PDB file of N, CA and C in Angstrom:
ATOM      1  N   MET A   1       7.222 -16.498  -9.261  1.00  0.00           N
ATOM      2  CA  MET A   1       7.922 -15.237  -9.429  1.00  0.00           C
ATOM      3  C   MET A   1       6.887 -14.103  -9.414  1.00  0.00           C
ATOM      4  N   PRO A   2       7.154 -13.015  -8.700  1.00  0.00           N
ATOM      5  CA  PRO A   2       6.202 -11.915  -8.635  1.00  0.00           C
ATOM      6  C   PRO A   2       6.045 -11.226  -9.990  1.00  0.00           C
ATOM      7  N   ASP A   3       4.900 -10.613 -10.165  1.00  0.00           N
ATOM      8  CA  ASP A   3       4.623  -9.873 -11.384  1.00  0.00           C
ATOM      9  C   ASP A   3       5.423  -8.582 -11.363  1.00  0.00           C
ATOM     10  N   LEU A   4       6.366  -8.440 -12.299  1.00  0.00           N
ATOM     11  CA  LEU A   4       7.239  -7.282 -12.318  1.00  0.00           C
ATOM     12  C   LEU A   4       6.713  -6.162 -13.210  1.00  0.00           C
ATOM     13  N   GLU A   5       5.612  -6.388 -13.876  1.00  0.00           N
ATOM     14  CA  GLU A   5       5.045  -5.376 -14.751  1.00  0.00           C
ATOM     15  C   GLU A   5       4.510  -4.215 -13.920  1.00  0.00           C
ATOM     16  N   GLU A   6       4.856  -2.989 -14.338  1.00  0.00           N
ATOM     17  CA  GLU A   6       4.372  -1.818 -13.616  1.00  0.00           C
ATOM     18  C   GLU A   6       2.875  -1.669 -13.801  1.00  0.00           C
ATOM     19  N   ARG A   7       2.217  -1.286 -12.726  1.00  0.00           N
ATOM     20  CA  ARG A   7       0.778  -1.036 -12.821  1.00  0.00           C
ATOM     21  C   ARG A   7       0.566   0.381 -13.306  1.00  0.00           C
ATOM     22  N   SER A   8      -0.491   0.555 -14.062  1.00  0.00           N
ATOM     23  CA  SER A   8      -0.836   1.895 -14.512  1.00  0.00           C
ATOM     24  C   SER A   8      -1.902   2.468 -13.592  1.00  0.00           C
ATOM     25  N   PHE A   9      -2.058   3.758 -13.654  1.00  0.00           N
ATOM     26  CA  PHE A   9      -3.044   4.452 -12.836  1.00  0.00           C
ATOM     27  C   PHE A   9      -4.429   3.865 -13.072  1.00  0.00           C
ATOM     28  N   GLU A  10      -4.737   3.569 -14.333  1.00  0.00           N
ATOM     29  CA  GLU A  10      -6.047   3.039 -14.692  1.00  0.00           C
ATOM     30  C   GLU A  10      -6.267   1.613 -14.170  1.00  0.00           C
ATOM     31  N   ALA A  11      -5.172   0.881 -13.959  1.00  0.00           N
ATOM     32  CA  ALA A  11      -5.287  -0.505 -13.516  1.00  0.00           C
ATOM     33  C   ALA A  11      -5.511  -0.631 -12.008  1.00  0.00           C
ATOM     34  N   LEU A  12      -5.338   0.461 -11.275  1.00  0.00           N
ATOM     35  CA  LEU A  12      -5.536   0.417  -9.828  1.00  0.00           C
ATOM     36  C   LEU A  12      -7.017   0.337  -9.493  1.00  0.00           C
ATOM     37  N   PRO A  13      -7.338  -0.305  -8.367  1.00  0.00           N
ATOM     38  CA  PRO A  13      -8.748  -0.351  -7.954  1.00  0.00           C
ATOM     39  C   PRO A  13      -9.237   1.048  -7.572  1.00  0.00           C
ATOM     40  N   ASP A  14     -10.535   1.220  -7.608  1.00  0.00           N
ATOM     41  CA  ASP A  14     -11.140   2.504  -7.254  1.00  0.00           C
ATOM     42  C   ASP A  14     -11.388   2.635  -5.764  1.00  0.00           C
ATOM     43  N   HIS A  15     -11.291   1.520  -5.044  1.00  0.00           N
ATOM     44  CA  HIS A  15     -11.615   1.525  -3.620  1.00  0.00           C
ATOM     45  C   HIS A  15     -10.510   0.864  -2.806  1.00  0.00           C
ATOM     46  N   CYS A  16     -10.398   1.276  -1.546  1.00  0.00           N
ATOM     47  CA  CYS A  16      -9.437   0.705  -0.603  1.00  0.00           C
ATOM     48  C   CYS A  16      -9.726  -0.789  -0.463  1.00  0.00           C
ATOM     49  N   GLU A  17      -8.683  -1.593  -0.531  1.00  0.00           N
ATOM     50  CA  GLU A  17      -8.841  -3.039  -0.427  1.00  0.00           C
ATOM     51  C   GLU A  17      -9.099  -3.499   1.002  1.00  0.00           C
ATOM     52  N   ASN A  18      -8.990  -2.583   1.972  1.00  0.00           N
ATOM     53  CA  ASN A  18      -9.246  -2.937   3.362  1.00  0.00           C
ATOM     54  C   ASN A  18     -10.636  -2.493   3.802  1.00  0.00           C
ATOM     55  N   CYS A  19     -10.944  -1.202   3.635  1.00  0.00           N
ATOM     56  CA  CYS A  19     -12.212  -0.679   4.166  1.00  0.00           C
ATOM     57  C   CYS A  19     -13.253  -0.379   3.101  1.00  0.00           C
ATOM     58  N   GLY A  20     -12.848  -0.335   1.828  1.00  0.00           N
ATOM     59  CA  GLY A  20     -13.795  -0.126   0.747  1.00  0.00           C
ATOM     60  C   GLY A  20     -14.093   1.317   0.391  1.00  0.00           C
ATOM     61  N   THR A  21     -13.474   2.262   1.079  1.00  0.00           N
ATOM     62  CA  THR A  21     -13.722   3.665   0.760  1.00  0.00           C
ATOM     63  C   THR A  21     -13.124   4.004  -0.610  1.00  0.00           C
ATOM     64  N   ALA A  22     -13.712   4.964  -1.285  1.00  0.00           N
ATOM     65  CA  ALA A  22     -13.222   5.374  -2.602  1.00  0.00           C
ATOM     66  C   ALA A  22     -11.840   6.007  -2.457  1.00  0.00           C
ATOM     67  N   LEU A  23     -10.913   5.592  -3.313  1.00  0.00           N
ATOM     68  CA  LEU A  23      -9.568   6.156  -3.298  1.00  0.00           C
ATOM     69  C   LEU A  23      -9.547   7.463  -4.076  1.00  0.00           C
ATOM     70  N   THR A  24      -8.857   8.456  -3.527  1.00  0.00           N
ATOM     71  CA  THR A  24      -8.703   9.735  -4.226  1.00  0.00           C
ATOM     72  C   THR A  24      -7.599   9.588  -5.267  1.00  0.00           C
ATOM     73  N   GLU A  25      -7.519  10.551  -6.167  1.00  0.00           N
ATOM     74  CA  GLU A  25      -6.468  10.548  -7.171  1.00  0.00           C
ATOM     75  C   GLU A  25      -5.095  10.583  -6.505  1.00  0.00           C
ATOM     76  N   LYS A  26      -4.973  11.369  -5.440  1.00  0.00           N
ATOM     77  CA  LYS A  26      -3.710  11.490  -4.710  1.00  0.00           C
ATOM     78  C   LYS A  26      -3.327  10.155  -4.066  1.00  0.00           C
ATOM     79  N   GLU A  27      -4.298   9.447  -3.497  1.00  0.00           N
ATOM     80  CA  GLU A  27      -4.016   8.143  -2.888  1.00  0.00           C
ATOM     81  C   GLU A  27      -3.589   7.134  -3.947  1.00  0.00           C
ATOM     82  N   ARG A  28      -4.250   7.141  -5.076  1.00  0.00           N
ATOM     83  CA  ARG A  28      -3.896   6.216  -6.150  1.00  0.00           C
ATOM     84  C   ARG A  28      -2.487   6.511  -6.673  1.00  0.00           C
ATOM     85  N   GLN A  29      -2.127   7.796  -6.752  1.00  0.00           N
ATOM     86  CA  GLN A  29      -0.786   8.158  -7.196  1.00  0.00           C
ATOM     87  C   GLN A  29       0.251   7.706  -6.171  1.00  0.00           C
ATOM     88  N   ARG A  30      -0.054   7.837  -4.870  1.00  0.00           N
ATOM     89  CA  ARG A  30       0.856   7.380  -3.815  1.00  0.00           C
ATOM     90  C   ARG A  30       1.098   5.881  -3.941  1.00  0.00           C
ATOM     91  N   ILE A  31       0.048   5.131  -4.217  1.00  0.00           N
ATOM     92  CA  ILE A  31       0.158   3.679  -4.359  1.00  0.00           C
ATOM     93  C   ILE A  31       1.117   3.340  -5.501  1.00  0.00           C
ATOM     94  N   LEU A  32       0.981   4.039  -6.614  1.00  0.00           N
ATOM     95  CA  LEU A  32       1.882   3.816  -7.747  1.00  0.00           C
ATOM     96  C   LEU A  32       3.307   4.212  -7.402  1.00  0.00           C
ATOM     97  N   ASP A  33       3.474   5.392  -6.775  1.00  0.00           N
ATOM     98  CA  ASP A  33       4.809   5.897  -6.449  1.00  0.00           C
ATOM     99  C   ASP A  33       5.544   4.974  -5.484  1.00  0.00           C
ATOM    100  N   GLU A  34       4.817   4.426  -4.511  1.00  0.00           N
ATOM    101  CA  GLU A  34       5.425   3.558  -3.506  1.00  0.00           C
ATOM    102  C   GLU A  34       5.554   2.116  -3.982  1.00  0.00           C
ATOM    103  N   GLY A  35       4.851   1.782  -5.049  1.00  0.00           N
ATOM    104  CA  GLY A  35       4.865   0.403  -5.526  1.00  0.00           C
ATOM    105  C   GLY A  35       4.184  -0.543  -4.548  1.00  0.00           C
ATOM    106  N   ALA A  36       3.195  -0.015  -3.847  1.00  0.00           N
ATOM    107  CA  ALA A  36       2.492  -0.800  -2.836  1.00  0.00           C
ATOM    108  C   ALA A  36       1.806  -2.009  -3.464  1.00  0.00           C
ATOM    109  N   ALA A  37       1.860  -3.135  -2.765  1.00  0.00           N
ATOM    110  CA  ALA A  37       1.247  -4.363  -3.248  1.00  0.00           C
ATOM    111  C   ALA A  37      -0.260  -4.352  -3.042  1.00  0.00           C
ATOM    112  N   VAL A  38      -0.713  -3.577  -2.049  1.00  0.00           N
ATOM    113  CA  VAL A  38      -2.129  -3.510  -1.712  1.00  0.00           C
ATOM    114  C   VAL A  38      -2.572  -2.057  -1.802  1.00  0.00           C
ATOM    115  N   ALA A  39      -3.712  -1.818  -2.435  1.00  0.00           N
ATOM    116  CA  ALA A  39      -4.248  -0.467  -2.582  1.00  0.00           C
ATOM    117  C   ALA A  39      -5.022  -0.087  -1.327  1.00  0.00           C
ATOM    118  N   LEU A  40      -4.402   0.770  -0.500  1.00  0.00           N
ATOM    119  CA  LEU A  40      -5.029   1.209   0.743  1.00  0.00           C
ATOM    120  C   LEU A  40      -5.234   2.712   0.742  1.00  0.00           C
ATOM    121  N   CYS A  41      -6.329   3.147   1.374  1.00  0.00           N
ATOM    122  CA  CYS A  41      -6.560   4.576   1.554  1.00  0.00           C
ATOM    123  C   CYS A  41      -5.527   5.105   2.552  1.00  0.00           C
ATOM    124  N   THR A  42      -5.442   6.407   2.698  1.00  0.00           N
ATOM    125  CA  THR A  42      -4.459   7.016   3.587  1.00  0.00           C
ATOM    126  C   THR A  42      -4.610   6.513   5.021  1.00  0.00           C
ATOM    127  N   THR A  43      -5.843   6.414   5.499  1.00  0.00           N
ATOM    128  CA  THR A  43      -6.089   5.974   6.873  1.00  0.00           C
ATOM    129  C   THR A  43      -5.626   4.538   7.086  1.00  0.00           C
ATOM    130  N   CYS A  44      -6.016   3.639   6.203  1.00  0.00           N
ATOM    131  CA  CYS A  44      -5.632   2.235   6.347  1.00  0.00           C
ATOM    132  C   CYS A  44      -4.123   2.058   6.185  1.00  0.00           C
ATOM    133  N   ALA A  45      -3.503   2.821   5.277  1.00  0.00           N
ATOM    134  CA  ALA A  45      -2.057   2.732   5.086  1.00  0.00           C
ATOM    135  C   ALA A  45      -1.326   3.192   6.342  1.00  0.00           C
ATOM    136  N   ALA A  46      -1.814   4.244   6.984  1.00  0.00           N
ATOM    137  CA  ALA A  46      -1.188   4.743   8.210  1.00  0.00           C
ATOM    138  C   ALA A  46      -1.337   3.741   9.348  1.00  0.00           C
ATOM    139  N   GLU A  47      -2.462   3.058   9.403  1.00  0.00           N
ATOM    140  CA  GLU A  47      -2.683   2.060  10.445  1.00  0.00           C
ATOM    141  C   GLU A  47      -1.835   0.814  10.197  1.00  0.00           C
ATOM    142  N   ALA A  48      -1.565   0.497   8.939  1.00  0.00           N
ATOM    143  CA  ALA A  48      -0.791  -0.697   8.605  1.00  0.00           C
ATOM    144  C   ALA A  48       0.703  -0.478   8.817  1.00  0.00           C
ATOM    145  N   ALA A  49       1.195   0.743   8.681  1.00  0.00           N
ATOM    146  CA  ALA A  49       2.627   1.023   8.786  1.00  0.00           C
ATOM    147  C   ALA A  49       3.225   0.575  10.115  1.00  0.00           C
ATOM    148  N   PRO A  50       2.638   0.898  11.273  1.00  0.00           N
ATOM    149  CA  PRO A  50       3.232   0.433  12.535  1.00  0.00           C
ATOM    150  C   PRO A  50       3.252  -1.092  12.651  1.00  0.00           C
ATOM    151  N   VAL A  51       2.256  -1.758  12.107  1.00  0.00           N
ATOM    152  CA  VAL A  51       2.210  -3.222  12.141  1.00  0.00           C
ATOM    153  C   VAL A  51       3.355  -3.791  11.312  1.00  0.00           C
ATOM    154  N   LEU A  52       3.577  -3.233  10.130  1.00  0.00           N
ATOM    155  CA  LEU A  52       4.661  -3.702   9.280  1.00  0.00           C
ATOM    156  C   LEU A  52       6.018  -3.438   9.917  1.00  0.00           C
ATOM    157  N   ASP A  53       6.188  -2.272  10.571  1.00  0.00           N
ATOM    158  CA  ASP A  53       7.432  -1.954  11.256  1.00  0.00           C
ATOM    159  C   ASP A  53       7.695  -2.956  12.382  1.00  0.00           C
ATOM    160  N   GLN A  54       6.666  -3.296  13.137  1.00  0.00           N
ATOM    161  CA  GLN A  54       6.808  -4.240  14.242  1.00  0.00           C
ATOM    162  C   GLN A  54       7.173  -5.628  13.717  1.00  0.00           C
ATOM    163  N   GLU A  55       6.550  -6.037  12.612  1.00  0.00           N
ATOM    164  CA  GLU A  55       6.872  -7.341  12.031  1.00  0.00           C
ATOM    165  C   GLU A  55       8.324  -7.390  11.590  1.00  0.00           C
ATOM    166  N   ALA A  56       8.840  -6.291  11.042  1.00  0.00           N
ATOM    167  CA  ALA A  56      10.238  -6.236  10.610  1.00  0.00           C
ATOM    168  C   ALA A  56      11.172  -6.361  11.813  1.00  0.00           C
ATOM    169  N   GLU A  57      10.817  -5.702  12.916  1.00  0.00           N
ATOM    170  CA  GLU A  57      11.644  -5.792  14.120  1.00  0.00           C
ATOM    171  C   GLU A  57      11.617  -7.208  14.684  1.00  0.00           C
ATOM    172  N   ASP A  58      10.441  -7.821  14.684  1.00  0.00           N
ATOM    173  CA  ASP A  58      10.302  -9.176  15.196  1.00  0.00           C
ATOM    174  C   ASP A  58      11.116 -10.170  14.371  1.00  0.00           C
ATOM    175  N   ALA A  59      11.269  -9.863  13.077  1.00  0.00           N
ATOM    176  CA  ALA A  59      12.019 -10.752  12.175  1.00  0.00           C
ATOM    177  C   ALA A  59      13.518 -10.492  12.256  1.00  0.00           C
ATOM    178  N   GLY A  60      13.922  -9.538  13.099  1.00  0.00           N
ATOM    179  CA  GLY A  60      15.344  -9.257  13.263  1.00  0.00           C
ATOM    180  C   GLY A  60      15.846  -8.093  12.448  1.00  0.00           C
ATOM    181  N   GLY A  61      14.943  -7.445  11.704  1.00  0.00           N
ATOM    182  CA  GLY A  61      15.350  -6.278  10.925  1.00  0.00           C
ATOM    183  C   GLY A  61      15.306  -5.036  11.782  1.00  0.00           C
ATOM    184  N   ALA A  62      16.018  -4.007  11.366  1.00  0.00           N
ATOM    185  CA  ALA A  62      16.048  -2.762  12.123  1.00  0.00           C
ATOM    186  C   ALA A  62      14.837  -1.905  11.822  1.00  0.00           C
ATOM    187  N   GLY A  63      14.124  -2.176  10.716  1.00  0.00           N
ATOM    188  CA  GLY A  63      12.971  -1.365  10.353  1.00  0.00           C
ATOM    189  C   GLY A  63      13.343  -0.066   9.687  1.00  0.00           C
ATOM    190  N   TYR A  64      14.617   0.091   9.327  1.00  0.00           N
ATOM    191  CA  TYR A  64      15.068   1.332   8.697  1.00  0.00           C
ATOM    192  C   TYR A  64      15.359   1.071   7.252  1.00  0.00           C
TER     193      TYR A  64
END
């Protein structure tokens, strides 16, 4: 069962889990607001979005 406990701002990593760049306060807040499973910087998150959309379409979802 997934961990349903909300993460706090302090519990988030300080660096992007993909490229290692330091996360800004705004990026860390976005991660909390979106409930993202992986802490990504803005650049990595933008690059991952089209991949996730394509995977949803391939799985038969509309992506909406």
